């Protein structure tokens, strides 16, 4: 996977995190019906022709001639009049809803949870929960039974479901593991120059203290110049970004009992084994960590540009053989021609001889890709069509393109094989990506990790990373308790998050950077910092919001 693919994965991760911040409070007729258990499926089956307003990519000609959709319409015994748009779609949807000019369904719009609750409460969108059964949607109901966390992610605070789930999972189940750990579980893979270690007669470190010894030896012996012939003084013992997603320093905090991954629900939020949430940035071992790594920074073992460099500058240093220890998504991508000289650096024990990795979840589930409106006379008939989207081979084709077009054949395990760029250009005059955009259908597509075992092949570099995660990194993880990215928030809770979250995270980052660079904190500084988080940055209010949302999520899963 090249740099653009990593960027796409980052974008996917950020999009998933953004979904967390979308919710609303209860209200309206639908909310009342669901809350009292009186919501029922509409038994009318007279309607067979439907109007669907749908998003499409700029390269898509629309859905009228899409053979995959046409086949599913036929199987469901319905016909769909498609109205598709790629530009200004949000504006057009708002006009339609405000004017009461409703299609039978909105598809691929990307409604936020706040939108879903608003339009569910006022009756614009119907509650789909009565239809999530074997009778009406056998494919989807089977998935929800096996994955209650997906149902929790689409269930609003009032108990209603106003949109069908969409997500693209990519986890260790895709490579045959019994447990499905997301490819994002440990975003930072740390690495060390094994050739330099061998030259110095050192073993791969297993503790932070041993790593300090290695870094000091890299510095004292100017290993970049000695081994690779780079200019004298070019050796950078260790370089990362500061609080960057896949290239930050955060993985080294594991020796102090946490890893505060960035771009999560809230950077320093953790879920503890007892089901309570907390912020590690107010823990004493967080103070110990920044104090410990200041000593490394003061000794020149950590790149002084850690706080200012961008990823392009970072990659340039690493690919020129200047850096001894680094973090990134892949070794090969970061280290270039020197990649063979590097090995993974394990999760390191801290001064007390222990470590703890705070794992994270994947990209999130979106409920805003298919909503049925009050204009629909026979929702059950239309949902027969959409239930087919949850069959693995159908969603594969809706996501990428038809069999015998985007997929060129099957391997000896029966997995469909994607077309290559060269094949696509020769046959269709387009790259594989352009071909995908031509045929892709926006909507409620749910790709589970095990589809890569049963239906179509995963990209090879993703397989490699999942294998590394499963065989090398997960054995260092003692506890997989994780705050779910799919918690649904009420509007009041969102207001609290909007009020405090940015200031909270910026304050933590500011002091973290200051203490690593300048040293500290003193007892007085530490107490003042904690008071600031509480009094000015809403730490307790945020903690309560995330606790309440998690408690509701767990309650829904247990239903």
Protein backbone atom coordinates (compact mmCIF):
# COMPACT_ATOMS: atom_id res chain seq x y z
CA UNK A 1 0.00 0.00 0.00
CA UNK A 2 1.50 3.30 -1.08
CA UNK A 3 1.27 6.61 0.68
CA UNK A 4 -2.03 7.52 -0.97
CA UNK A 5 -3.56 4.31 0.36
CA UNK A 6 -2.43 5.14 3.88
CA UNK A 7 -3.99 8.56 3.49
CA UNK A 8 -7.23 6.90 2.42
CA UNK A 9 -7.17 4.67 5.49
CA UNK A 10 -6.53 7.73 7.67
CA UNK A 11 -9.46 9.46 6.05
CA UNK A 12 -11.59 6.43 6.67
CA UNK A 13 -10.53 6.33 10.31
CA UNK A 14 -11.26 10.05 10.78
CA UNK A 15 -14.64 9.67 9.09
CA UNK A 16 -15.47 6.83 11.46
CA UNK A 17 -14.44 8.95 14.45
CA UNK A 18 -16.56 11.83 13.13
CA UNK A 19 -19.63 9.61 13.11
CA UNK A 20 -19.38 9.40 16.89
CA UNK A 21 -20.18 13.09 17.21
CA UNK A 22 -23.62 12.83 15.59
CA UNK A 23 -26.78 12.27 17.61
CA UNK A 24 -29.92 13.86 19.01
CA UNK A 25 -32.43 13.70 21.79
CA UNK A 26 -35.73 11.86 21.69
CA UNK A 27 -39.11 13.21 20.70
CA UNK A 28 -42.03 12.93 18.30
CA UNK A 29 -44.53 10.20 17.46
CA UNK A 30 -42.01 7.59 16.29
CA UNK A 31 -39.94 8.07 19.42
CA UNK A 32 -43.01 7.67 21.61
CA UNK A 33 -44.12 4.53 19.79
CA UNK A 34 -40.72 2.86 20.05
CA UNK A 35 -40.20 3.84 23.63
CA UNK A 36 -43.52 2.26 24.64
CA UNK A 37 -42.94 -0.82 22.48
CA UNK A 38 -45.90 -0.07 20.15
CA UNK A 39 -44.00 0.45 16.89
CA UNK A 40 -45.25 -2.04 14.33
CA UNK A 41 -44.39 -2.96 10.76
CA UNK A 42 -46.65 -1.58 8.05
CA UNK A 43 -48.50 -4.56 6.55
CA UNK A 44 -49.40 -2.79 3.29
CA UNK A 45 -47.79 -4.62 0.33
CA UNK A 46 -49.70 -2.96 -2.52
CA UNK A 47 -46.90 -0.68 -3.71
CA UNK A 48 -44.37 -2.16 -6.14
CA UNK A 49 -42.99 0.93 -7.88
CA UNK A 50 -40.76 3.22 -5.82
CA UNK A 51 -38.92 6.51 -6.17
CA UNK A 52 -35.42 6.66 -4.65
CA UNK A 53 -33.30 9.79 -4.43
CA UNK A 54 -29.66 8.67 -4.33
CA UNK A 55 -26.12 9.98 -4.31
CA UNK A 56 -23.63 8.84 -6.92
CA UNK A 57 -19.98 9.44 -7.73
CA UNK A 58 -19.04 12.06 -10.31
CA UNK A 59 -17.91 9.29 -12.68
CA UNK A 60 -21.11 7.26 -12.35
CA UNK A 61 -23.67 7.53 -15.19
CA UNK A 62 -26.44 6.83 -12.68
CA UNK A 63 -28.21 3.66 -11.67
CA UNK A 64 -30.84 3.16 -14.39
CA UNK A 65 -28.67 0.70 -16.32
CA UNK A 66 -26.86 -0.87 -13.39
CA UNK A 67 -27.18 -4.62 -13.93
CA UNK A 68 -26.58 -5.52 -10.28
CA UNK A 69 -29.36 -3.23 -9.05
CA UNK A 70 -31.70 -4.36 -11.83
CA UNK A 71 -31.22 -7.99 -10.86
CA UNK A 72 -32.00 -7.24 -7.21
CA UNK A 73 -35.09 -5.24 -8.16
CA UNK A 74 -36.35 -8.20 -10.17
CA UNK A 75 -35.68 -10.61 -7.33
CA UNK A 76 -37.60 -8.34 -4.93
CA UNK A 77 -40.50 -7.98 -7.37
CA UNK A 78 -40.30 -4.20 -7.49
CA UNK A 79 -39.24 -1.40 -9.80
CA UNK A 80 -37.28 1.70 -8.84
CA UNK A 81 -37.30 5.09 -10.51
CA UNK A 82 -33.83 6.43 -9.74
CA UNK A 83 -33.03 10.09 -9.29
CA UNK A 84 -29.30 10.50 -8.73
CA UNK A 85 -27.00 13.43 -8.06
CA UNK A 86 -23.31 13.91 -7.33
CA UNK A 87 -23.16 17.67 -6.68
CA UNK A 88 -25.09 19.89 -4.25
CA UNK A 89 -26.96 16.84 -3.00
CA UNK A 90 -27.22 17.97 0.61
CA UNK A 91 -28.81 21.24 -0.46
CA UNK A 92 -31.29 19.41 -2.68
CA UNK A 93 -32.21 16.97 0.09
CA UNK A 94 -32.88 19.84 2.49
CA UNK A 95 -35.12 21.51 -0.09
CA UNK A 96 -37.04 18.28 -0.66
CA UNK A 97 -37.61 17.62 3.02
CA UNK A 98 -38.53 21.21 3.83
CA UNK A 99 -41.01 21.28 0.94
CA UNK A 100 -42.52 17.88 1.72
CA UNK A 101 -41.45 16.58 -1.69
CA UNK A 102 -40.35 13.20 -0.43
CA UNK A 103 -39.21 10.17 -2.39
CA UNK A 104 -39.87 6.75 -0.94
CA UNK A 105 -36.27 6.58 0.25
CA UNK A 106 -33.07 8.58 0.47
CA UNK A 107 -29.97 6.51 -0.39
CA UNK A 108 -26.28 7.25 0.10
CA UNK A 109 -26.86 10.74 1.51
CA UNK A 110 -24.80 10.28 4.66
CA UNK A 111 -27.26 11.65 7.20
CA UNK A 112 -25.75 12.27 10.60
CA UNK A 113 -27.29 10.69 13.67
CA UNK A 114 -28.59 14.14 14.53
CA UNK A 115 -30.40 14.28 11.16
CA UNK A 116 -31.79 10.78 11.66
CA UNK A 117 -33.20 11.65 15.07
CA UNK A 118 -34.60 14.97 13.86
CA UNK A 119 -36.37 13.47 10.87
CA UNK A 120 -37.33 10.36 12.80
CA UNK A 121 -38.88 12.39 15.58
CA UNK A 122 -40.98 14.53 13.24
CA UNK A 123 -42.15 11.54 11.21
CA UNK A 124 -40.22 12.28 8.00
CA UNK A 125 -38.29 9.00 8.35
CA UNK A 126 -40.00 5.85 9.55
CA UNK A 127 -38.68 3.67 12.35
CA UNK A 128 -37.13 0.61 10.71
CA UNK A 129 -36.72 -1.44 13.87
CA UNK A 130 -39.92 -3.48 13.34
CA UNK A 131 -38.53 -4.63 9.98
CA UNK A 132 -35.17 -5.83 11.27
CA UNK A 133 -36.45 -9.37 11.58
CA UNK A 134 -36.07 -12.65 9.75
CA UNK A 135 -39.49 -12.13 8.18
CA UNK A 136 -38.67 -8.84 6.48
CA UNK A 137 -34.88 -8.65 6.25
CA UNK A 138 -33.38 -12.11 6.78
CA UNK A 139 -29.87 -11.16 5.61
CA UNK A 140 -29.55 -8.07 7.76
CA UNK A 141 -31.29 -9.57 10.79
CA UNK A 142 -28.82 -12.48 10.76
CA UNK A 143 -25.91 -10.02 10.73
CA UNK A 144 -27.40 -7.99 13.58
CA UNK A 145 -27.93 -11.13 15.61
CA UNK A 146 -24.28 -12.08 15.17
CA UNK A 147 -23.05 -8.48 15.61
CA UNK A 148 -25.19 -6.73 18.24
CA UNK A 149 -22.65 -3.90 18.26
CA UNK A 150 -23.82 -2.95 14.75
CA UNK A 151 -27.41 -2.72 15.92
CA UNK A 152 -26.28 -0.60 18.86
CA UNK A 153 -24.52 1.75 16.43
CA UNK A 154 -27.71 2.43 14.44
CA UNK A 155 -30.10 2.62 17.41
CA UNK A 156 -30.82 6.20 18.38
CA UNK A 157 -31.25 7.42 21.91
CA UNK A 158 -35.04 6.96 21.72
CA UNK A 159 -34.62 3.30 20.70
CA UNK A 160 -35.63 3.89 17.09
CA UNK A 161 -33.69 2.92 13.97
CA UNK A 162 -34.02 5.49 11.18
CA UNK A 163 -31.27 4.31 8.85
CA UNK A 164 -29.73 1.03 7.76
CA UNK A 165 -26.10 0.24 8.66
CA UNK A 166 -23.11 0.81 6.41
CA UNK A 167 -19.49 0.01 7.24
CA UNK A 168 -16.38 -1.53 5.77
CA UNK A 169 -14.67 -3.67 8.34
CA UNK A 170 -11.10 -4.77 7.89
CA UNK A 171 -9.90 -6.97 10.70
CA UNK A 172 -8.05 -10.11 11.60
CA UNK A 173 -11.09 -12.27 10.80
CA UNK A 174 -10.18 -11.49 7.19
CA UNK A 175 -7.06 -13.63 7.58
CA UNK A 176 -8.85 -16.42 9.40
CA UNK A 177 -8.49 -15.36 13.03
CA UNK A 178 -11.29 -16.36 15.40
CA UNK A 179 -11.30 -12.87 16.90
CA UNK A 180 -11.75 -9.84 14.69
CA UNK A 181 -9.31 -7.08 15.65
CA UNK A 182 -9.49 -4.03 13.43
CA UNK A 183 -6.55 -3.07 11.24
CA UNK A 184 -6.56 0.16 13.31
CA UNK A 185 -6.20 -1.65 16.68
CA UNK A 186 -2.57 -0.53 17.02
CA UNK A 187 -2.05 2.31 14.53
CA UNK A 188 1.64 2.88 15.25
CA UNK A 189 4.07 0.09 14.36
CA UNK A 190 7.47 0.94 15.85
CA UNK A 191 10.69 -0.19 14.16
CA UNK A 192 14.44 -0.19 14.82
CA UNK A 193 17.53 -0.48 12.63
CA UNK A 194 18.69 -4.05 13.26
CA UNK A 195 21.83 -3.56 11.18
CA UNK A 196 22.96 -0.79 13.51
CA UNK A 197 22.23 -2.98 16.53
CA UNK A 198 24.25 -5.83 15.05
CA UNK A 199 27.18 -3.51 14.32
CA UNK A 200 27.11 -2.45 17.98
CA UNK A 201 26.60 -5.96 19.36
CA UNK A 202 23.22 -5.05 20.85
CA UNK A 203 20.01 -7.06 21.00
CA UNK A 204 16.60 -5.73 19.98
CA UNK A 205 15.38 -3.87 23.11
CA UNK A 206 12.53 -5.24 25.19
CA UNK A 207 12.37 -2.37 27.70
CA UNK A 208 12.46 1.40 27.52
CA UNK A 209 15.74 1.45 29.42
CA UNK A 210 17.28 -0.93 26.85
CA UNK A 211 16.00 1.29 24.06
CA UNK A 212 17.62 4.28 25.73
CA UNK A 213 20.93 2.40 25.72
CA UNK A 214 20.55 1.60 22.01
CA UNK A 215 19.64 5.18 21.09
CA UNK A 216 22.62 6.51 23.00
CA UNK A 217 24.88 4.08 21.14
CA UNK A 218 23.36 5.15 17.79
CA UNK A 219 24.12 8.76 18.70
CA UNK A 220 27.61 8.25 20.11
CA UNK A 221 28.73 6.17 17.13
CA UNK A 222 26.98 8.32 14.50
CA UNK A 223 25.60 5.18 12.91
CA UNK A 224 24.05 6.84 9.87
CA UNK A 225 27.47 8.13 8.84
CA UNK A 226 29.33 5.00 9.92
CA UNK A 227 27.09 2.42 8.23
CA UNK A 228 25.57 4.29 5.29
CA UNK A 229 28.21 6.92 4.59
CA UNK A 230 25.90 9.83 5.24
CA UNK A 231 27.42 13.16 6.36
CA UNK A 232 28.97 13.27 9.83
CA UNK A 233 26.44 14.09 12.50
CA UNK A 234 23.47 13.01 10.38
CA UNK A 235 22.29 10.31 12.78
CA UNK A 236 18.88 10.86 14.37
CA UNK A 237 18.55 8.19 17.06
CA UNK A 238 14.74 8.38 17.16
CA UNK A 239 12.17 10.36 15.19
CA UNK A 240 8.36 10.44 15.12
CA UNK A 241 5.65 13.01 14.77
CA UNK A 242 4.12 14.51 17.89
CA UNK A 243 0.72 12.92 18.60
CA UNK A 244 0.36 11.86 14.97
CA UNK A 245 -1.91 8.97 14.09
CA UNK A 246 0.34 6.27 12.59
CA UNK A 247 3.67 8.04 13.14
CA UNK A 248 3.45 9.47 16.64
CA UNK A 249 5.41 8.79 19.82
CA UNK A 250 2.37 7.45 21.66
CA UNK A 251 3.22 3.75 21.35
CA UNK A 252 6.20 4.29 23.65
CA UNK A 253 3.86 5.40 26.44
CA UNK A 254 2.74 1.76 26.77
CA UNK A 255 5.55 1.30 29.27
CA UNK A 256 3.63 3.64 31.56
CA UNK A 257 0.30 1.85 31.30
CA UNK A 258 -1.48 3.51 28.36
CA UNK A 259 -1.28 4.60 24.74
CA UNK A 260 -3.23 7.79 24.08
CA UNK A 261 -3.86 7.29 20.37
CA UNK A 262 -4.85 10.39 18.44
CA UNK A 263 -8.03 10.83 16.38
CA UNK A 264 -10.04 8.70 18.76
CA UNK A 265 -13.31 9.61 20.46
CA UNK A 266 -11.30 11.94 22.65
CA UNK A 267 -7.53 11.62 22.46
CA UNK A 268 -6.95 10.66 26.08
CA UNK A 269 -10.20 8.83 26.83
CA UNK A 270 -9.98 5.19 27.92
CA UNK A 271 -12.53 2.59 28.89
CA UNK A 272 -11.49 0.60 31.93
CA UNK A 273 -12.26 -3.04 32.68
CA UNK A 274 -15.03 -2.13 35.10
CA UNK A 275 -16.89 -0.20 32.39
CA UNK A 276 -15.96 3.28 33.59
CA UNK A 277 -14.36 5.89 31.37
CA UNK A 278 -11.45 8.08 32.34
CA UNK A 279 -8.85 10.45 30.90
CA UNK A 280 -5.26 9.22 31.12
CA UNK A 281 -3.98 12.78 30.77
CA UNK A 282 -4.81 13.34 34.44
CA UNK A 283 -3.16 10.14 35.67
CA UNK A 284 0.06 10.21 37.66
CA UNK A 285 1.67 7.73 35.24
CA UNK A 286 0.95 10.17 32.40
CA UNK A 287 3.00 12.70 34.34
CA UNK A 288 5.70 10.06 34.79
CA UNK A 289 5.76 9.37 31.04
CA UNK A 290 6.28 12.95 29.88
CA UNK A 291 8.90 13.44 32.59
CA UNK A 292 10.73 10.29 31.49
CA UNK A 293 10.82 11.19 27.81
CA UNK A 294 11.97 14.75 28.50
CA UNK A 295 15.29 13.24 29.57
CA UNK A 296 15.59 11.55 26.16
CA UNK A 297 14.75 14.81 24.40
CA UNK A 298 17.27 16.74 26.49
CA UNK A 299 19.97 14.19 25.57
CA UNK A 300 19.28 14.67 21.87
CA UNK A 301 17.97 11.13 21.45
CA UNK A 302 14.60 12.34 20.15
CA UNK A 303 14.48 14.37 16.95
CA UNK A 304 14.15 18.07 17.91
CA UNK A 305 11.86 18.52 14.89
CA UNK A 306 9.31 16.06 16.30
CA UNK A 307 6.95 18.96 17.04
CA UNK A 308 7.21 20.73 13.69
CA UNK A 309 7.90 18.25 10.88
CA UNK A 310 5.24 17.03 8.48
CA UNK A 311 5.04 13.52 7.12
CA UNK A 312 6.92 14.40 3.93
CA UNK A 313 9.91 15.70 5.89
CA UNK A 314 9.71 12.70 8.20
CA UNK A 315 9.67 10.16 5.36
CA UNK A 316 12.61 11.91 3.69
CA UNK A 317 14.78 11.53 6.80
CA UNK A 318 13.86 7.90 7.30
CA UNK A 319 14.25 6.90 3.66
CA UNK A 320 17.76 8.43 3.59
CA UNK A 321 19.00 6.13 6.35
CA UNK A 322 19.27 8.81 9.03
CA UNK A 323 16.82 7.50 11.65
CA UNK A 324 17.40 4.58 14.01
CA UNK A 325 13.92 4.22 15.56
CA UNK A 326 10.62 5.37 14.07
CA UNK A 327 6.90 4.62 13.80
CA UNK A 328 4.72 4.20 10.72
CA UNK A 329 2.06 2.03 9.07
CA UNK A 330 4.65 -0.14 7.24
CA UNK A 331 8.42 -0.49 7.44
CA UNK A 332 8.87 -0.64 3.65
CA UNK A 333 6.88 2.49 3.01
CA UNK A 334 8.86 4.56 5.50
CA UNK A 335 12.38 3.24 5.14
CA UNK A 336 12.54 2.77 1.37
CA UNK A 337 15.84 1.25 0.20
CA UNK A 338 16.93 0.67 3.80
CA UNK A 339 13.78 -1.27 4.78
CA UNK A 340 15.55 -4.66 4.95
CA UNK A 341 17.77 -3.30 7.75
CA UNK A 342 14.78 -2.68 10.05
CA UNK A 343 12.69 -4.95 12.26
CA UNK A 344 9.66 -4.31 14.42
CA UNK A 345 10.44 -2.92 17.84
CA UNK A 346 8.20 -4.71 20.35
CA UNK A 347 5.96 -3.08 22.92
CA UNK A 348 8.47 -2.08 25.58
CA UNK A 349 8.21 -2.56 29.32
CA UNK A 350 8.51 0.59 31.36
CA UNK A 351 10.51 1.33 34.52
CA UNK A 352 8.19 -0.87 36.60
CA UNK A 353 8.66 -3.85 34.26
CA UNK A 354 5.15 -3.78 32.73
CA UNK A 355 3.34 -2.41 29.72
CA UNK A 356 -0.25 -1.80 28.62
CA UNK A 357 -1.49 -1.06 25.10
CA UNK A 358 -4.76 0.85 24.86
CA UNK A 359 -6.33 -0.68 21.75
CA UNK A 360 -8.74 1.15 19.52
CA UNK A 361 -11.68 0.28 17.27
CA UNK A 362 -12.10 0.53 13.52
CA UNK A 363 -13.66 3.10 11.26
CA UNK A 364 -17.20 3.02 12.62
CA UNK A 365 -20.71 2.17 11.43
CA UNK A 366 -22.82 4.75 9.61
CA UNK A 367 -26.62 4.67 9.89
CA UNK A 368 -27.17 7.50 7.41
CA UNK A 369 -26.94 5.70 4.07
CA UNK A 370 -30.57 4.53 3.65
CA UNK A 371 -33.69 6.01 5.18
CA UNK A 372 -37.29 5.28 4.18
CA UNK A 373 -39.67 8.22 4.31
CA UNK A 374 -43.30 8.59 5.32
CA UNK A 375 -44.18 8.79 1.62
CA UNK A 376 -43.49 5.09 1.22
CA UNK A 377 -46.74 3.12 1.21
CA UNK A 378 -45.19 -0.36 1.40
CA UNK A 379 -41.85 -0.25 3.27
CA UNK A 380 -41.73 -4.05 3.56
CA UNK A 381 -41.59 -4.43 -0.23
CA UNK A 382 -38.82 -1.87 -0.60
CA UNK A 383 -36.85 -3.43 2.24
CA UNK A 384 -36.88 -6.78 0.44
CA UNK A 385 -34.73 -5.04 -2.15
CA UNK A 386 -32.38 -3.46 0.38
CA UNK A 387 -32.01 -6.68 2.34
CA UNK A 388 -30.23 -8.09 -0.71
CA UNK A 389 -27.52 -5.47 -0.22
CA UNK A 390 -26.46 -7.46 2.83
CA UNK A 391 -25.62 -10.61 0.84
CA UNK A 392 -21.79 -10.74 0.53
CA UNK A 393 -21.54 -11.18 -3.23
CA UNK A 394 -24.05 -8.40 -3.85
CA UNK A 395 -22.35 -5.85 -1.61
CA UNK A 396 -19.02 -6.77 -3.22
CA UNK A 397 -20.40 -5.75 -6.61
CA UNK A 398 -22.16 -2.66 -5.29
CA UNK A 399 -18.92 -1.48 -3.71
CA UNK A 400 -16.56 -2.17 -6.61
CA UNK A 401 -18.36 -3.24 -9.75
CA UNK A 402 -19.96 -6.27 -11.39
CA UNK A 403 -18.46 -9.70 -11.67
CA UNK A 404 -16.69 -10.12 -15.01
CA UNK A 405 -16.12 -6.35 -15.11
CA UNK A 406 -14.28 -5.22 -11.96
CA UNK A 407 -13.83 -8.79 -10.80
CA UNK A 408 -12.08 -10.89 -13.41
CA UNK A 409 -12.43 -14.39 -11.99
CA UNK A 410 -12.05 -16.52 -8.89
CA UNK A 411 -9.00 -18.07 -7.29
CA UNK A 412 -8.68 -21.68 -6.20
CA UNK A 413 -10.50 -20.81 -2.95
CA UNK A 414 -13.44 -19.29 -4.80
CA UNK A 415 -12.52 -15.70 -3.89
CA UNK A 416 -13.19 -13.10 -6.55
CA UNK A 417 -10.08 -11.35 -7.91
CA UNK A 418 -10.03 -7.61 -8.63
CA UNK A 419 -9.00 -6.24 -11.98
CA UNK A 420 -5.52 -4.69 -12.14
CA UNK A 421 -4.76 -1.20 -13.39
CA UNK A 422 -3.11 -2.58 -16.53
CA UNK A 423 -6.06 -4.85 -17.26
CA UNK A 424 -8.56 -2.04 -16.69
CA UNK A 425 -6.70 0.40 -18.93
CA UNK A 426 -6.33 -2.16 -21.70
CA UNK A 427 -9.97 -3.29 -21.64
CA UNK A 428 -11.85 -0.16 -20.53
CA UNK A 429 -9.43 2.73 -20.98
CA UNK A 430 -9.67 3.52 -17.27
CA UNK A 431 -7.66 2.81 -14.15
CA UNK A 432 -9.06 0.25 -11.72
CA UNK A 433 -10.02 3.12 -9.41
CA UNK A 434 -11.88 4.94 -12.16
CA UNK A 435 -13.66 1.74 -13.10
CA UNK A 436 -14.74 1.30 -9.49
CA UNK A 437 -16.07 4.87 -9.35
CA UNK A 438 -18.05 4.25 -12.54
CA UNK A 439 -19.88 1.23 -11.14
CA UNK A 440 -19.94 1.87 -7.39
CA UNK A 441 -23.38 2.40 -5.88
CA UNK A 442 -23.68 4.66 -2.84
CA UNK A 443 -25.79 3.27 -0.05
CA UNK A 444 -26.04 0.87 2.90
CA UNK A 445 -23.09 -1.40 2.12
CA UNK A 446 -21.87 -3.51 5.00
CA UNK A 447 -18.62 -5.38 4.32
CA UNK A 448 -17.67 -7.65 7.20
CA UNK A 449 -14.11 -8.84 7.75
CA UNK A 450 -14.94 -12.45 7.03
CA UNK A 451 -16.11 -11.57 3.50
CA UNK A 452 -12.42 -11.43 2.61
CA UNK A 453 -12.28 -15.12 3.58
CA UNK A 454 -15.49 -16.15 1.85
CA UNK A 455 -16.18 -13.85 -1.07
CA UNK A 456 -13.39 -11.63 -2.47
CA UNK A 457 -9.72 -10.99 -2.02
CA UNK A 458 -8.29 -8.27 0.19
CA UNK A 459 -5.48 -6.02 -1.02
CA UNK A 460 -2.18 -7.76 -0.32
CA UNK A 461 -0.61 -5.01 1.76
CA UNK A 462 -3.65 -4.92 4.04
CA UNK A 463 -3.33 -8.68 4.51
CA UNK A 464 0.33 -8.22 5.41
CA UNK A 465 -0.46 -5.59 8.02
CA UNK A 466 -3.21 -7.71 9.56
CA UNK A 467 -0.84 -10.67 9.74
CA UNK A 468 1.75 -8.47 11.46
CA UNK A 469 -0.90 -7.20 13.85
CA UNK A 470 -2.11 -10.70 14.65
CA UNK A 471 1.19 -12.53 15.00
CA UNK A 472 3.57 -9.85 16.28
CA UNK A 473 1.64 -7.08 18.02
CA UNK A 474 -1.47 -8.64 19.57
CA UNK A 475 0.56 -10.97 21.84
CA UNK A 476 1.70 -7.80 23.63
CA UNK A 477 -1.91 -6.77 24.30
CA UNK A 478 -3.11 -8.01 27.68
CA UNK A 479 -6.50 -6.30 27.69
CA UNK A 480 -8.66 -5.52 24.64
CA UNK A 481 -11.17 -3.35 26.50
CA UNK A 482 -11.89 -0.42 24.19
CA UNK A 483 -14.28 2.51 24.04
CA UNK A 484 -16.57 1.85 21.03
CA UNK A 485 -16.39 4.47 18.32
CA UNK A 486 -20.06 3.83 17.48
CA UNK A 487 -21.63 5.24 20.64
CA UNK A 488 -24.62 7.46 19.86
CA UNK A 489 -24.91 10.83 21.60
CA UNK A 490 -27.91 12.99 22.44
CA UNK A 491 -28.04 16.58 21.27
CA UNK A 492 -27.34 17.85 24.80
CA UNK A 493 -24.30 15.59 24.96
CA UNK A 494 -23.09 16.84 21.60
CA UNK A 495 -23.42 20.40 22.84
CA UNK A 496 -21.23 19.52 25.82
CA UNK A 497 -18.65 17.87 23.55
CA UNK A 498 -18.66 20.87 21.23
CA UNK A 499 -18.21 23.20 24.18
CA UNK A 500 -15.21 21.48 25.75
CA UNK A 501 -13.54 18.85 23.56
CA UNK A 502 -11.28 21.08 21.45
CA UNK A 503 -10.04 23.12 24.41
CA UNK A 504 -9.48 19.96 26.43
CA UNK A 505 -7.41 18.24 23.75
CA UNK A 506 -5.47 21.38 22.86
CA UNK A 507 -4.62 22.02 26.51
CA UNK A 508 -3.40 18.46 27.01
CA UNK A 509 -1.29 18.60 23.83
CA UNK A 510 0.17 21.99 24.76
CA UNK A 511 1.33 20.85 28.19
CA UNK A 512 2.48 17.46 26.93
CA UNK A 513 4.73 19.12 24.37
CA UNK A 514 5.95 21.71 26.84
CA UNK A 515 6.91 19.12 29.44
CA UNK A 516 8.71 16.88 26.94
CA UNK A 517 10.72 19.86 25.65
CA UNK A 518 11.30 21.83 28.83
CA UNK A 519 10.92 19.30 31.63
CA UNK A 520 8.50 19.02 34.46
CA UNK A 521 5.94 19.25 35.71
CA UNK A 522 6.62 20.27 39.29
CA UNK A 523 4.04 19.36 41.92
CA UNK A 524 2.59 22.84 41.70
CA UNK A 525 2.44 22.76 37.89
CA UNK A 526 0.78 19.34 37.91
CA UNK A 527 -1.95 20.40 40.31
CA UNK A 528 -2.56 23.61 38.38
CA UNK A 529 -2.79 21.63 35.13
CA UNK A 530 -5.36 19.23 36.57
CA UNK A 531 -7.37 22.15 37.90
CA UNK A 532 -7.36 23.72 34.43
CA UNK A 533 -8.65 20.50 32.88
CA UNK A 534 -11.44 20.35 35.44
CA UNK A 535 -12.37 24.01 35.83
CA UNK A 536 -11.82 25.38 32.33
CA UNK A 537 -11.81 22.38 29.97
CA UNK A 538 -14.84 20.48 31.22
CA UNK A 539 -13.06 17.23 32.00
CA UNK A 540 -15.74 15.95 34.37
CA UNK A 541 -18.56 17.03 32.05
CA UNK A 542 -16.90 15.23 29.14
CA UNK A 543 -16.29 12.16 31.25
CA UNK A 544 -19.99 12.00 32.15
CA UNK A 545 -21.07 12.41 28.51
CA UNK A 546 -18.87 9.58 27.30
CA UNK A 547 -19.91 7.41 30.25
CA UNK A 548 -23.64 7.92 29.60
CA UNK A 549 -23.28 7.23 25.87
CA UNK A 550 -21.31 4.07 26.56
CA UNK A 551 -23.83 2.85 29.12
CA UNK A 552 -26.67 3.23 26.59
CA UNK A 553 -24.60 1.46 23.94
CA UNK A 554 -24.00 -1.50 26.25
CA UNK A 555 -27.67 -1.61 27.22
CA UNK A 556 -28.67 -1.82 23.56
CA UNK A 557 -26.20 -4.63 22.90
CA UNK A 558 -27.62 -6.63 25.80
CA UNK A 559 -31.24 -6.30 24.61
